[in-house]
Amino acid sequence: MSKKFAENWDKYQVDLIPVEYKVVILPDKVSEKLGKEEIIISPETVQDMDQRAQVRGTVIAVSEMAFNDWVGYKPKVGDRVYYGKYAGIITDEEDYNEVQYRIINDKDIACIIKKRA
C-alpha cells in the first residue's frame, strides 16, 4: 500500500461490499488538460469518455471468494493494478475527487503495479 494511499485511507472508505468474485477499484482520475504541455483544457464529455476507458486504479475492497483460484501473489486492498478497459460496473458512489468506483471480476485484473526499489 502506498504511503499516500495509507495516509488518505479514510477518504476512500465506501459502503460497497463486493460479493462472489468481485473487486472494488478506484480508477485513476484522468487529466483535465490535453497535450504534452497540458495547456489545452479537455471538454467535460471527453473527460467522461476517458475516465470510463481508464485501465489503472487502486484496489479498494476484495470479496472473500476473489482470487481463490489464483496461484502466487494475490492483489489486496491498496495495490495498484491494471484492469480490462470498460470492465465491470461503474457505481454511483464517488471518492473525494468525484471519481466513480468500478466493480470488476477478479479475472479482469491484468497485472499488479509494483514500484521498483
PDB file of N, CA and C in Angstrom:
ATOM      1  N   MET A   1       0.851  -1.168   0.000  1.00  0.00           N
ATOM      2  CA  MET A   1       0.000   0.000   0.000  1.00  0.00           C
ATOM      3  C   MET A   1       0.899   1.232   0.000  1.00  0.00           C
ATOM      4  N   SER A   2       0.650   2.154  -0.912  1.00  0.00           N
ATOM      5  CA  SER A   2       1.485   3.344  -0.987  1.00  0.00           C
ATOM      6  C   SER A   2       1.261   4.225   0.237  1.00  0.00           C
ATOM      7  N   LYS A   3       2.276   5.005   0.566  1.00  0.00           N
ATOM      8  CA  LYS A   3       2.199   5.879   1.739  1.00  0.00           C
ATOM      9  C   LYS A   3       1.070   6.890   1.574  1.00  0.00           C
ATOM     10  N   LYS A   4       0.965   7.491   0.386  1.00  0.00           N
ATOM     11  CA  LYS A   4      -0.088   8.473   0.125  1.00  0.00           C
ATOM     12  C   LYS A   4      -1.467   7.844   0.309  1.00  0.00           C
ATOM     13  N   PHE A   5      -1.638   6.645  -0.225  1.00  0.00           N
ATOM     14  CA  PHE A   5      -2.918   5.950  -0.105  1.00  0.00           C
ATOM     15  C   PHE A   5      -3.221   5.645   1.359  1.00  0.00           C
ATOM     16  N   ALA A   6      -2.235   5.147   2.093  1.00  0.00           N
ATOM     17  CA  ALA A   6      -2.425   4.799   3.502  1.00  0.00           C
ATOM     18  C   ALA A   6      -2.782   6.025   4.334  1.00  0.00           C
ATOM     19  N   GLU A   7      -2.138   7.150   4.050  1.00  0.00           N
ATOM     20  CA  GLU A   7      -2.404   8.377   4.803  1.00  0.00           C
ATOM     21  C   GLU A   7      -3.805   8.915   4.538  1.00  0.00           C
ATOM     22  N   ASN A   8      -4.351   8.632   3.372  1.00  0.00           N
ATOM     23  CA  ASN A   8      -5.669   9.146   2.992  1.00  0.00           C
ATOM     24  C   ASN A   8      -6.747   8.070   2.981  1.00  0.00           C
ATOM     25  N   TRP A   9      -6.501   6.953   3.661  1.00  0.00           N
ATOM     26  CA  TRP A   9      -7.411   5.812   3.608  1.00  0.00           C
ATOM     27  C   TRP A   9      -8.843   6.195   3.956  1.00  0.00           C
ATOM     28  N   ASP A  10      -9.040   7.075   4.950  1.00  0.00           N
ATOM     29  CA  ASP A  10     -10.399   7.444   5.361  1.00  0.00           C
ATOM     30  C   ASP A  10     -11.170   8.118   4.230  1.00  0.00           C
ATOM     31  N   LYS A  11     -10.491   8.767   3.307  1.00  0.00           N
ATOM     32  CA  LYS A  11     -11.165   9.413   2.178  1.00  0.00           C
ATOM     33  C   LYS A  11     -11.694   8.391   1.174  1.00  0.00           C
ATOM     34  N   TYR A  12     -11.132   7.182   1.200  1.00  0.00           N
ATOM     35  CA  TYR A  12     -11.506   6.154   0.233  1.00  0.00           C
ATOM     36  C   TYR A  12     -12.538   5.171   0.775  1.00  0.00           C
ATOM     37  N   GLN A  13     -12.944   5.332   2.025  1.00  0.00           N
ATOM     38  CA  GLN A  13     -13.915   4.407   2.598  1.00  0.00           C
ATOM     39  C   GLN A  13     -15.231   4.513   1.834  1.00  0.00           C
ATOM     40  N   VAL A  14     -15.796   3.387   1.520  1.00  0.00           N
ATOM     41  CA  VAL A  14     -17.031   3.353   0.746  1.00  0.00           C
ATOM     42  C   VAL A  14     -17.876   2.191   1.248  1.00  0.00           C
ATOM     43  N   ASP A  15     -19.183   2.357   1.198  1.00  0.00           N
ATOM     44  CA  ASP A  15     -20.095   1.315   1.675  1.00  0.00           C
ATOM     45  C   ASP A  15     -20.430   0.332   0.558  1.00  0.00           C
ATOM     46  N   LEU A  16     -19.422  -0.180  -0.097  1.00  0.00           N
ATOM     47  CA  LEU A  16     -19.593  -1.196  -1.132  1.00  0.00           C
ATOM     48  C   LEU A  16     -18.881  -2.454  -0.661  1.00  0.00           C
ATOM     49  N   ILE A  17     -19.627  -3.531  -0.492  1.00  0.00           N
ATOM     50  CA  ILE A  17     -19.045  -4.801  -0.077  1.00  0.00           C
ATOM     51  C   ILE A  17     -19.160  -5.756  -1.259  1.00  0.00           C
ATOM     52  N   PRO A  18     -18.042  -6.063  -1.909  1.00  0.00           N
ATOM     53  CA  PRO A  18     -18.103  -6.938  -3.082  1.00  0.00           C
ATOM     54  C   PRO A  18     -18.477  -8.367  -2.699  1.00  0.00           C
ATOM     55  N   VAL A  19     -19.231  -9.022  -3.570  1.00  0.00           N
ATOM     56  CA  VAL A  19     -19.642 -10.410  -3.347  1.00  0.00           C
ATOM     57  C   VAL A  19     -19.086 -11.285  -4.469  1.00  0.00           C
ATOM     58  N   GLU A  20     -19.230 -12.584  -4.304  1.00  0.00           N
ATOM     59  CA  GLU A  20     -18.753 -13.585  -5.254  1.00  0.00           C
ATOM     60  C   GLU A  20     -17.288 -13.317  -5.598  1.00  0.00           C
ATOM     61  N   TYR A  21     -16.947 -13.111  -6.868  1.00  0.00           N
ATOM     62  CA  TYR A  21     -15.551 -12.935  -7.296  1.00  0.00           C
ATOM     63  C   TYR A  21     -15.261 -11.481  -7.666  1.00  0.00           C
ATOM     64  N   LYS A  22     -15.892 -10.556  -6.994  1.00  0.00           N
ATOM     65  CA  LYS A  22     -15.794  -9.140  -7.362  1.00  0.00           C
ATOM     66  C   LYS A  22     -14.741  -8.393  -6.549  1.00  0.00           C
ATOM     67  N   VAL A  23     -14.249  -7.312  -7.169  1.00  0.00           N
ATOM     68  CA  VAL A  23     -13.254  -6.430  -6.572  1.00  0.00           C
ATOM     69  C   VAL A  23     -13.706  -4.994  -6.833  1.00  0.00           C
ATOM     70  N   VAL A  24     -13.613  -4.122  -5.820  1.00  0.00           N
ATOM     71  CA  VAL A  24     -13.934  -2.707  -5.999  1.00  0.00           C
ATOM     72  C   VAL A  24     -12.630  -1.970  -6.292  1.00  0.00           C
ATOM     73  N   ILE A  25     -12.636  -1.220  -7.384  1.00  0.00           N
ATOM     74  CA  ILE A  25     -11.460  -0.478  -7.845  1.00  0.00           C
ATOM     75  C   ILE A  25     -11.788   1.011  -7.853  1.00  0.00           C
ATOM     76  N   LEU A  26     -10.821   1.831  -7.455  1.00  0.00           N
ATOM     77  CA  LEU A  26     -10.930   3.272  -7.640  1.00  0.00           C
ATOM     78  C   LEU A  26     -10.033   3.631  -8.821  1.00  0.00           C
ATOM     79  N   PRO A  27     -10.635   3.908  -9.989  1.00  0.00           N
ATOM     80  CA  PRO A  27      -9.817   4.244 -11.159  1.00  0.00           C
ATOM     81  C   PRO A  27      -9.033   5.538 -10.931  1.00  0.00           C
ATOM     82  N   ASP A  28      -7.860   5.618 -11.549  1.00  0.00           N
ATOM     83  CA  ASP A  28      -7.100   6.862 -11.503  1.00  0.00           C
ATOM     84  C   ASP A  28      -7.909   7.950 -12.186  1.00  0.00           C
ATOM     85  N   LYS A  29      -7.818   9.166 -11.672  1.00  0.00           N
ATOM     86  CA  LYS A  29      -8.515  10.298 -12.289  1.00  0.00           C
ATOM     87  C   LYS A  29      -7.746  10.728 -13.531  1.00  0.00           C
ATOM     88  N   VAL A  30      -8.473  10.914 -14.633  1.00  0.00           N
ATOM     89  CA  VAL A  30      -7.825  11.357 -15.867  1.00  0.00           C
ATOM     90  C   VAL A  30      -7.532  12.851 -15.783  1.00  0.00           C
ATOM     91  N   SER A  31      -6.548  13.271 -16.540  1.00  0.00           N
ATOM     92  CA  SER A  31      -6.154  14.675 -16.547  1.00  0.00           C
ATOM     93  C   SER A  31      -7.217  15.516 -17.240  1.00  0.00           C
ATOM     94  N   GLU A  32      -7.413  16.727 -16.730  1.00  0.00           N
ATOM     95  CA  GLU A  32      -8.364  17.646 -17.347  1.00  0.00           C
ATOM     96  C   GLU A  32      -7.732  18.388 -18.514  1.00  0.00           C
ATOM     97  N   LYS A  33      -6.418  18.277 -18.635  1.00  0.00           N
ATOM     98  CA  LYS A  33      -5.705  19.008 -19.678  1.00  0.00           C
ATOM     99  C   LYS A  33      -5.130  18.044 -20.704  1.00  0.00           C
ATOM    100  N   LEU A  34      -5.018  18.526 -21.933  1.00  0.00           N
ATOM    101  CA  LEU A  34      -4.523  17.717 -23.045  1.00  0.00           C
ATOM    102  C   LEU A  34      -3.183  18.236 -23.544  1.00  0.00           C
ATOM    103  N   GLY A  35      -2.494  17.408 -24.282  1.00  0.00           N
ATOM    104  CA  GLY A  35      -1.248  17.804 -24.923  1.00  0.00           C
ATOM    105  C   GLY A  35      -0.040  17.619 -24.039  1.00  0.00           C
ATOM    106  N   LYS A  36       1.095  17.660 -24.686  1.00  0.00           N
ATOM    107  CA  LYS A  36       2.358  17.441 -23.989  1.00  0.00           C
ATOM    108  C   LYS A  36       2.598  18.509 -22.920  1.00  0.00           C
ATOM    109  N   GLU A  37       2.243  19.743 -23.234  1.00  0.00           N
ATOM    110  CA  GLU A  37       2.459  20.842 -22.293  1.00  0.00           C
ATOM    111  C   GLU A  37       1.233  21.104 -21.422  1.00  0.00           C
ATOM    112  N   GLU A  38       0.175  20.352 -21.626  1.00  0.00           N
ATOM    113  CA  GLU A  38      -1.065  20.439 -20.849  1.00  0.00           C
ATOM    114  C   GLU A  38      -1.606  21.863 -20.752  1.00  0.00           C
ATOM    115  N   ILE A  39      -1.694  22.531 -21.900  1.00  0.00           N
ATOM    116  CA  ILE A  39      -2.236  23.888 -21.897  1.00  0.00           C
ATOM    117  C   ILE A  39      -3.659  23.934 -22.456  1.00  0.00           C
ATOM    118  N   ILE A  40      -4.120  22.821 -23.005  1.00  0.00           N
ATOM    119  CA  ILE A  40      -5.475  22.751 -23.553  1.00  0.00           C
ATOM    120  C   ILE A  40      -6.356  22.023 -22.552  1.00  0.00           C
ATOM    121  N   ILE A  41      -7.471  22.641 -22.178  1.00  0.00           N
ATOM    122  CA  ILE A  41      -8.401  22.003 -21.242  1.00  0.00           C
ATOM    123  C   ILE A  41      -9.352  21.120 -22.033  1.00  0.00           C
ATOM    124  N   SER A  42      -9.452  19.878 -21.616  1.00  0.00           N
ATOM    125  CA  SER A  42     -10.286  18.883 -22.278  1.00  0.00           C
ATOM    126  C   SER A  42     -11.763  19.149 -21.987  1.00  0.00           C
ATOM    127  N   PRO A  43     -12.644  19.050 -23.002  1.00  0.00           N
ATOM    128  CA  PRO A  43     -14.082  19.198 -22.749  1.00  0.00           C
ATOM    129  C   PRO A  43     -14.572  18.123 -21.773  1.00  0.00           C
ATOM    130  N   GLU A  44     -15.596  18.444 -21.008  1.00  0.00           N
ATOM    131  CA  GLU A  44     -16.099  17.522 -19.982  1.00  0.00           C
ATOM    132  C   GLU A  44     -16.545  16.188 -20.573  1.00  0.00           C
ATOM    133  N   THR A  45     -17.136  16.201 -21.762  1.00  0.00           N
ATOM    134  CA  THR A  45     -17.579  14.936 -22.366  1.00  0.00           C
ATOM    135  C   THR A  45     -16.389  14.045 -22.714  1.00  0.00           C
ATOM    136  N   VAL A  46     -15.291  14.648 -23.153  1.00  0.00           N
ATOM    137  CA  VAL A  46     -14.083  13.881 -23.458  1.00  0.00           C
ATOM    138  C   VAL A  46     -13.497  13.313 -22.170  1.00  0.00           C
ATOM    139  N   GLN A  47     -13.499  14.112 -21.100  1.00  0.00           N
ATOM    140  CA  GLN A  47     -13.004  13.638 -19.809  1.00  0.00           C
ATOM    141  C   GLN A  47     -13.828  12.448 -19.323  1.00  0.00           C
ATOM    142  N   ASP A  48     -15.152  12.521 -19.483  1.00  0.00           N
ATOM    143  CA  ASP A  48     -16.022  11.412 -19.072  1.00  0.00           C
ATOM    144  C   ASP A  48     -15.701  10.144 -19.860  1.00  0.00           C
ATOM    145  N   MET A  49     -15.516  10.276 -21.179  1.00  0.00           N
ATOM    146  CA  MET A  49     -15.191   9.106 -22.005  1.00  0.00           C
ATOM    147  C   MET A  49     -13.836   8.529 -21.611  1.00  0.00           C
ATOM    148  N   ASP A  50     -12.863   9.402 -21.389  1.00  0.00           N
ATOM    149  CA  ASP A  50     -11.533   8.939 -20.979  1.00  0.00           C
ATOM    150  C   ASP A  50     -11.578   8.258 -19.617  1.00  0.00           C
ATOM    151  N   GLN A  51     -12.398   8.792 -18.697  1.00  0.00           N
ATOM    152  CA  GLN A  51     -12.500   8.197 -17.361  1.00  0.00           C
ATOM    153  C   GLN A  51     -13.111   6.799 -17.445  1.00  0.00           C
ATOM    154  N   ARG A  52     -14.111   6.624 -18.302  1.00  0.00           N
ATOM    155  CA  ARG A  52     -14.734   5.305 -18.461  1.00  0.00           C
ATOM    156  C   ARG A  52     -13.775   4.299 -19.096  1.00  0.00           C
ATOM    157  N   ALA A  53     -12.809   4.793 -19.876  1.00  0.00           N
ATOM    158  CA  ALA A  53     -11.842   3.914 -20.537  1.00  0.00           C
ATOM    159  C   ALA A  53     -10.573   3.712 -19.703  1.00  0.00           C
ATOM    160  N   GLN A  54     -10.536   4.277 -18.514  1.00  0.00           N
ATOM    161  CA  GLN A  54      -9.346   4.170 -17.654  1.00  0.00           C
ATOM    162  C   GLN A  54      -9.024   2.705 -17.366  1.00  0.00           C
ATOM    163  N   VAL A  55      -7.746   2.360 -17.343  1.00  0.00           N
ATOM    164  CA  VAL A  55      -7.332   0.970 -17.118  1.00  0.00           C
ATOM    165  C   VAL A  55      -6.406   0.807 -15.911  1.00  0.00           C
ATOM    166  N   ARG A  56      -6.147   1.886 -15.182  1.00  0.00           N
ATOM    167  CA  ARG A  56      -5.316   1.814 -13.974  1.00  0.00           C
ATOM    168  C   ARG A  56      -6.113   2.278 -12.777  1.00  0.00           C
ATOM    169  N   GLY A  57      -5.860   1.649 -11.628  1.00  0.00           N
ATOM    170  CA  GLY A  57      -6.558   2.066 -10.428  1.00  0.00           C
ATOM    171  C   GLY A  57      -6.003   1.400  -9.190  1.00  0.00           C
ATOM    172  N   THR A  58      -6.697   1.635  -8.077  1.00  0.00           N
ATOM    173  CA  THR A  58      -6.302   1.106  -6.774  1.00  0.00           C
ATOM    174  C   THR A  58      -7.391   0.186  -6.258  1.00  0.00           C
ATOM    175  N   VAL A  59      -6.998  -0.967  -5.735  1.00  0.00           N
ATOM    176  CA  VAL A  59      -7.954  -1.912  -5.152  1.00  0.00           C
ATOM    177  C   VAL A  59      -8.452  -1.326  -3.830  1.00  0.00           C
ATOM    178  N   ILE A  60      -9.771  -1.200  -3.699  1.00  0.00           N
ATOM    179  CA  ILE A  60     -10.385  -0.627  -2.504  1.00  0.00           C
ATOM    180  C   ILE A  60     -11.007  -1.702  -1.624  1.00  0.00           C
ATOM    181  N   ALA A  61     -11.601  -2.729  -2.230  1.00  0.00           N
ATOM    182  CA  ALA A  61     -12.229  -3.818  -1.471  1.00  0.00           C
ATOM    183  C   ALA A  61     -12.173  -5.099  -2.299  1.00  0.00           C
ATOM    184  N   VAL A  62     -12.065  -6.238  -1.601  1.00  0.00           N
ATOM    185  CA  VAL A  62     -11.966  -7.548  -2.249  1.00  0.00           C
ATOM    186  C   VAL A  62     -12.950  -8.492  -1.568  1.00  0.00           C
ATOM    187  N   SER A  63     -13.746  -9.228  -2.361  1.00  0.00           N
ATOM    188  CA  SER A  63     -14.670 -10.200  -1.772  1.00  0.00           C
ATOM    189  C   SER A  63     -13.897 -11.392  -1.218  1.00  0.00           C
ATOM    190  N   GLU A  64     -14.555 -12.155  -0.366  1.00  0.00           N
ATOM    191  CA  GLU A  64     -13.898 -13.317   0.245  1.00  0.00           C
ATOM    192  C   GLU A  64     -13.565 -14.399  -0.781  1.00  0.00           C
ATOM    193  N   MET A  65     -14.343 -14.491  -1.858  1.00  0.00           N
ATOM    194  CA  MET A  65     -14.117 -15.533  -2.860  1.00  0.00           C
ATOM    195  C   MET A  65     -13.136 -15.109  -3.955  1.00  0.00           C
ATOM    196  N   ALA A  66     -12.868 -13.814  -4.054  1.00  0.00           N
ATOM    197  CA  ALA A  66     -11.984 -13.324  -5.119  1.00  0.00           C
ATOM    198  C   ALA A  66     -10.579 -13.885  -4.962  1.00  0.00           C
ATOM    199  N   PHE A  67      -9.979 -14.234  -6.058  1.00  0.00           N
ATOM    200  CA  PHE A  67      -8.591 -14.703  -6.156  1.00  0.00           C
ATOM    201  C   PHE A  67      -8.345 -16.066  -5.521  1.00  0.00           C
ATOM    202  N   ASN A  68      -9.392 -16.816  -5.162  1.00  0.00           N
ATOM    203  CA  ASN A  68      -9.195 -18.148  -4.575  1.00  0.00           C
ATOM    204  C   ASN A  68      -8.487 -19.100  -5.534  1.00  0.00           C
ATOM    205  N   ASP A  69      -8.707 -18.941  -6.836  1.00  0.00           N
ATOM    206  CA  ASP A  69      -8.096 -19.826  -7.828  1.00  0.00           C
ATOM    207  C   ASP A  69      -6.713 -19.354  -8.274  1.00  0.00           C
ATOM    208  N   TRP A  70      -6.289 -18.199  -7.812  1.00  0.00           N
ATOM    209  CA  TRP A  70      -5.012 -17.638  -8.243  1.00  0.00           C
ATOM    210  C   TRP A  70      -3.856 -18.347  -7.560  1.00  0.00           C
ATOM    211  N   VAL A  71      -2.762 -18.476  -8.291  1.00  0.00           N
ATOM    212  CA  VAL A  71      -1.527 -19.038  -7.739  1.00  0.00           C
ATOM    213  C   VAL A  71      -0.533 -17.884  -7.610  1.00  0.00           C
ATOM    214  N   GLY A  72       0.194 -17.842  -6.536  1.00  0.00           N
ATOM    215  CA  GLY A  72       1.180 -16.777  -6.343  1.00  0.00           C
ATOM    216  C   GLY A  72       0.572 -15.567  -5.658  1.00  0.00           C
ATOM    217  N   TYR A  73       1.151 -14.408  -5.943  1.00  0.00           N
ATOM    218  CA  TYR A  73       0.717 -13.170  -5.291  1.00  0.00           C
ATOM    219  C   TYR A  73      -0.715 -12.823  -5.686  1.00  0.00           C
ATOM    220  N   LYS A  74      -1.536 -12.512  -4.712  1.00  0.00           N
ATOM    221  CA  LYS A  74      -2.927 -12.136  -4.956  1.00  0.00           C
ATOM    222  C   LYS A  74      -3.099 -10.654  -4.638  1.00  0.00           C
ATOM    223  N   PRO A  75      -3.769  -9.909  -5.521  1.00  0.00           N
ATOM    224  CA  PRO A  75      -3.989  -8.493  -5.250  1.00  0.00           C
ATOM    225  C   PRO A  75      -4.737  -8.295  -3.935  1.00  0.00           C
ATOM    226  N   LYS A  76      -4.378  -7.234  -3.229  1.00  0.00           N
ATOM    227  CA  LYS A  76      -5.034  -6.925  -1.956  1.00  0.00           C
ATOM    228  C   LYS A  76      -5.354  -5.436  -1.911  1.00  0.00           C
ATOM    229  N   VAL A  77      -6.117  -5.039  -0.920  1.00  0.00           N
ATOM    230  CA  VAL A  77      -6.514  -3.642  -0.765  1.00  0.00           C
ATOM    231  C   VAL A  77      -5.272  -2.761  -0.727  1.00  0.00           C
ATOM    232  N   GLY A  78      -5.309  -1.704  -1.514  1.00  0.00           N
ATOM    233  CA  GLY A  78      -4.191  -0.773  -1.591  1.00  0.00           C
ATOM    234  C   GLY A  78      -3.264  -1.006  -2.763  1.00  0.00           C
ATOM    235  N   ASP A  79      -3.346  -2.182  -3.397  1.00  0.00           N
ATOM    236  CA  ASP A  79      -2.493  -2.473  -4.551  1.00  0.00           C
ATOM    237  C   ASP A  79      -2.941  -1.651  -5.755  1.00  0.00           C
ATOM    238  N   ARG A  80      -1.965  -1.206  -6.535  1.00  0.00           N
ATOM    239  CA  ARG A  80      -2.239  -0.525  -7.794  1.00  0.00           C
ATOM    240  C   ARG A  80      -2.262  -1.585  -8.883  1.00  0.00           C
ATOM    241  N   VAL A  81      -3.254  -1.518  -9.771  1.00  0.00           N
ATOM    242  CA  VAL A  81      -3.436  -2.560 -10.780  1.00  0.00           C
ATOM    243  C   VAL A  81      -3.812  -1.976 -12.140  1.00  0.00           C
ATOM    244  N   TYR A  82      -3.575  -2.795 -13.173  1.00  0.00           N
ATOM    245  CA  TYR A  82      -4.141  -2.581 -14.498  1.00  0.00           C
ATOM    246  C   TYR A  82      -5.295  -3.558 -14.638  1.00  0.00           C
ATOM    247  N   TYR A  83      -6.391  -3.115 -15.243  1.00  0.00           N
ATOM    248  CA  TYR A  83      -7.555  -3.978 -15.451  1.00  0.00           C
ATOM    249  C   TYR A  83      -8.117  -3.720 -16.841  1.00  0.00           C
ATOM    250  N   GLY A  84      -9.025  -4.590 -17.278  1.00  0.00           N
ATOM    251  CA  GLY A  84      -9.573  -4.503 -18.626  1.00  0.00           C
ATOM    252  C   GLY A  84     -10.333  -3.213 -18.884  1.00  0.00           C
ATOM    253  N   LYS A  85     -10.101  -2.637 -20.062  1.00  0.00           N
ATOM    254  CA  LYS A  85     -10.804  -1.418 -20.453  1.00  0.00           C
ATOM    255  C   LYS A  85     -12.305  -1.690 -20.493  1.00  0.00           C
ATOM    256  N   TYR A  86     -13.082  -0.804 -19.925  1.00  0.00           N
ATOM    257  CA  TYR A  86     -14.543  -0.896 -19.842  1.00  0.00           C
ATOM    258  C   TYR A  86     -15.018  -2.090 -19.018  1.00  0.00           C
ATOM    259  N   ALA A  87     -14.157  -2.684 -18.209  1.00  0.00           N
ATOM    260  CA  ALA A  87     -14.542  -3.852 -17.397  1.00  0.00           C
ATOM    261  C   ALA A  87     -15.488  -3.433 -16.280  1.00  0.00           C
ATOM    262  N   GLY A  88     -16.411  -4.318 -15.966  1.00  0.00           N
ATOM    263  CA  GLY A  88     -17.237  -4.179 -14.776  1.00  0.00           C
ATOM    264  C   GLY A  88     -18.335  -3.137 -14.826  1.00  0.00           C
ATOM    265  N   ILE A  89     -18.737  -2.742 -13.623  1.00  0.00           N
ATOM    266  CA  ILE A  89     -19.860  -1.829 -13.413  1.00  0.00           C
ATOM    267  C   ILE A  89     -19.327  -0.537 -12.812  1.00  0.00           C
ATOM    268  N   ILE A  90     -19.750   0.606 -13.349  1.00  0.00           N
ATOM    269  CA  ILE A  90     -19.386   1.893 -12.767  1.00  0.00           C
ATOM    270  C   ILE A  90     -20.488   2.264 -11.780  1.00  0.00           C
ATOM    271  N   THR A  91     -20.105   2.605 -10.557  1.00  0.00           N
ATOM    272  CA  THR A  91     -21.076   2.870  -9.498  1.00  0.00           C
ATOM    273  C   THR A  91     -21.511   4.332  -9.467  1.00  0.00           C
ATOM    274  N   ASP A  92     -22.531   4.608  -8.660  1.00  0.00           N
ATOM    275  CA  ASP A  92     -22.965   5.986  -8.428  1.00  0.00           C
ATOM    276  C   ASP A  92     -22.116   6.655  -7.355  1.00  0.00           C
ATOM    277  N   GLU A  93     -21.483   5.851  -6.488  1.00  0.00           N
ATOM    278  CA  GLU A  93     -20.661   6.390  -5.417  1.00  0.00           C
ATOM    279  C   GLU A  93     -19.382   6.981  -5.995  1.00  0.00           C
ATOM    280  N   GLU A  94     -18.914   8.084  -5.381  1.00  0.00           N
ATOM    281  CA  GLU A  94     -17.701   8.751  -5.844  1.00  0.00           C
ATOM    282  C   GLU A  94     -16.752   8.977  -4.681  1.00  0.00           C
ATOM    283  N   ASP A  95     -15.461   9.108  -5.001  1.00  0.00           N
ATOM    284  CA  ASP A  95     -14.497   9.463  -3.965  1.00  0.00           C
ATOM    285  C   ASP A  95     -14.453  10.983  -3.846  1.00  0.00           C
ATOM    286  N   TYR A  96     -13.534  11.498  -3.037  1.00  0.00           N
ATOM    287  CA  TYR A  96     -13.471  12.942  -2.817  1.00  0.00           C
ATOM    288  C   TYR A  96     -13.026  13.712  -4.063  1.00  0.00           C
ATOM    289  N   ASN A  97     -12.484  13.048  -5.072  1.00  0.00           N
ATOM    290  CA  ASN A  97     -12.109  13.674  -6.344  1.00  0.00           C
ATOM    291  C   ASN A  97     -13.203  13.534  -7.393  1.00  0.00           C
ATOM    292  N   GLU A  98     -14.366  13.054  -6.986  1.00  0.00           N
ATOM    293  CA  GLU A  98     -15.510  12.828  -7.877  1.00  0.00           C
ATOM    294  C   GLU A  98     -15.223  11.761  -8.928  1.00  0.00           C
ATOM    295  N   VAL A  99     -14.408  10.766  -8.568  1.00  0.00           N
ATOM    296  CA  VAL A  99     -14.157   9.622  -9.440  1.00  0.00           C
ATOM    297  C   VAL A  99     -15.060   8.487  -8.971  1.00  0.00           C
ATOM    298  N   GLN A 100     -15.804   7.899  -9.907  1.00  0.00           N
ATOM    299  CA  GLN A 100     -16.724   6.818  -9.556  1.00  0.00           C
ATOM    300  C   GLN A 100     -15.973   5.500  -9.417  1.00  0.00           C
ATOM    301  N   TYR A 101     -16.382   4.710  -8.434  1.00  0.00           N
ATOM    302  CA  TYR A 101     -15.774   3.401  -8.212  1.00  0.00           C
ATOM    303  C   TYR A 101     -16.223   2.438  -9.305  1.00  0.00           C
ATOM    304  N   ARG A 102     -15.441   1.397  -9.515  1.00  0.00           N
ATOM    305  CA  ARG A 102     -15.767   0.375 -10.508  1.00  0.00           C
ATOM    306  C   ARG A 102     -15.725  -0.986  -9.826  1.00  0.00           C
ATOM    307  N   ILE A 103     -16.736  -1.812 -10.080  1.00  0.00           N
ATOM    308  CA  ILE A 103     -16.784  -3.170  -9.541  1.00  0.00           C
ATOM    309  C   ILE A 103     -16.479  -4.114 -10.697  1.00  0.00           C
ATOM    310  N   ILE A 104     -15.379  -4.881 -10.553  1.00  0.00           N
ATOM    311  CA  ILE A 104     -14.941  -5.765 -11.633  1.00  0.00           C
ATOM    312  C   ILE A 104     -14.780  -7.190 -11.117  1.00  0.00           C
ATOM    313  N   ASN A 105     -14.702  -8.140 -12.037  1.00  0.00           N
ATOM    314  CA  ASN A 105     -14.378  -9.523 -11.682  1.00  0.00           C
ATOM    315  C   ASN A 105     -12.890  -9.616 -11.367  1.00  0.00           C
ATOM    316  N   ASP A 106     -12.531 -10.534 -10.489  1.00  0.00           N
ATOM    317  CA  ASP A 106     -11.114 -10.700 -10.147  1.00  0.00           C
ATOM    318  C   ASP A 106     -10.268 -11.007 -11.379  1.00  0.00           C
ATOM    319  N   LYS A 107     -10.821 -11.727 -12.335  1.00  0.00           N
ATOM    320  CA  LYS A 107     -10.073 -12.111 -13.537  1.00  0.00           C
ATOM    321  C   LYS A 107      -9.876 -10.950 -14.517  1.00  0.00           C
ATOM    322  N   ASP A 108     -10.553  -9.813 -14.275  1.00  0.00           N
ATOM    323  CA  ASP A 108     -10.352  -8.633 -15.114  1.00  0.00           C
ATOM    324  C   ASP A 108      -9.058  -7.899 -14.770  1.00  0.00           C
ATOM    325  N   ILE A 109      -8.444  -8.234 -13.643  1.00  0.00           N
ATOM    326  CA  ILE A 109      -7.172  -7.611 -13.277  1.00  0.00           C
ATOM    327  C   ILE A 109      -6.068  -8.272 -14.092  1.00  0.00           C
ATOM    328  N   ALA A 110      -5.365  -7.451 -14.864  1.00  0.00           N
ATOM    329  CA  ALA A 110      -4.324  -7.964 -15.762  1.00  0.00           C
ATOM    330  C   ALA A 110      -2.969  -8.057 -15.078  1.00  0.00           C
ATOM    331  N   CYS A 111      -2.653  -7.092 -14.224  1.00  0.00           N
ATOM    332  CA  CYS A 111      -1.374  -7.143 -13.512  1.00  0.00           C
ATOM    333  C   CYS A 111      -1.380  -6.170 -12.342  1.00  0.00           C
ATOM    334  N   ILE A 112      -0.436  -6.380 -11.453  1.00  0.00           N
ATOM    335  CA  ILE A 112      -0.254  -5.528 -10.286  1.00  0.00           C
ATOM    336  C   ILE A 112       0.931  -4.617 -10.579  1.00  0.00           C
ATOM    337  N   ILE A 113       0.787  -3.345 -10.262  1.00  0.00           N
ATOM    338  CA  ILE A 113       1.855  -2.377 -10.491  1.00  0.00           C
ATOM    339  C   ILE A 113       2.708  -2.308  -9.225  1.00  0.00           C
ATOM    340  N   LYS A 114       3.959  -2.693  -9.347  1.00  0.00           N
ATOM    341  CA  LYS A 114       4.893  -2.651  -8.213  1.00  0.00           C
ATOM    342  C   LYS A 114       5.934  -1.575  -8.475  1.00  0.00           C
ATOM    343  N   LYS A 115       6.276  -0.834  -7.437  1.00  0.00           N
ATOM    344  CA  LYS A 115       7.339   0.164  -7.567  1.00  0.00           C
ATOM    345  C   LYS A 115       8.686  -0.514  -7.458  1.00  0.00           C
ATOM    346  N   ARG A 116       9.631  -0.017  -8.220  1.00  0.00           N
ATOM    347  CA  ARG A 116      10.995  -0.546  -8.142  1.00  0.00           C
ATOM    348  C   ARG A 116      11.681   0.022  -6.913  1.00  0.00           C
ATOM    349  N   ALA A 117      12.477  -0.808  -6.281  1.00  0.00           N
ATOM    350  CA  ALA A 117      13.171  -0.373  -5.060  1.00  0.00           C
ATOM    351  C   ALA A 117      14.336   0.528  -5.374  1.00  0.00           C
TER     352      ALA A 117
END
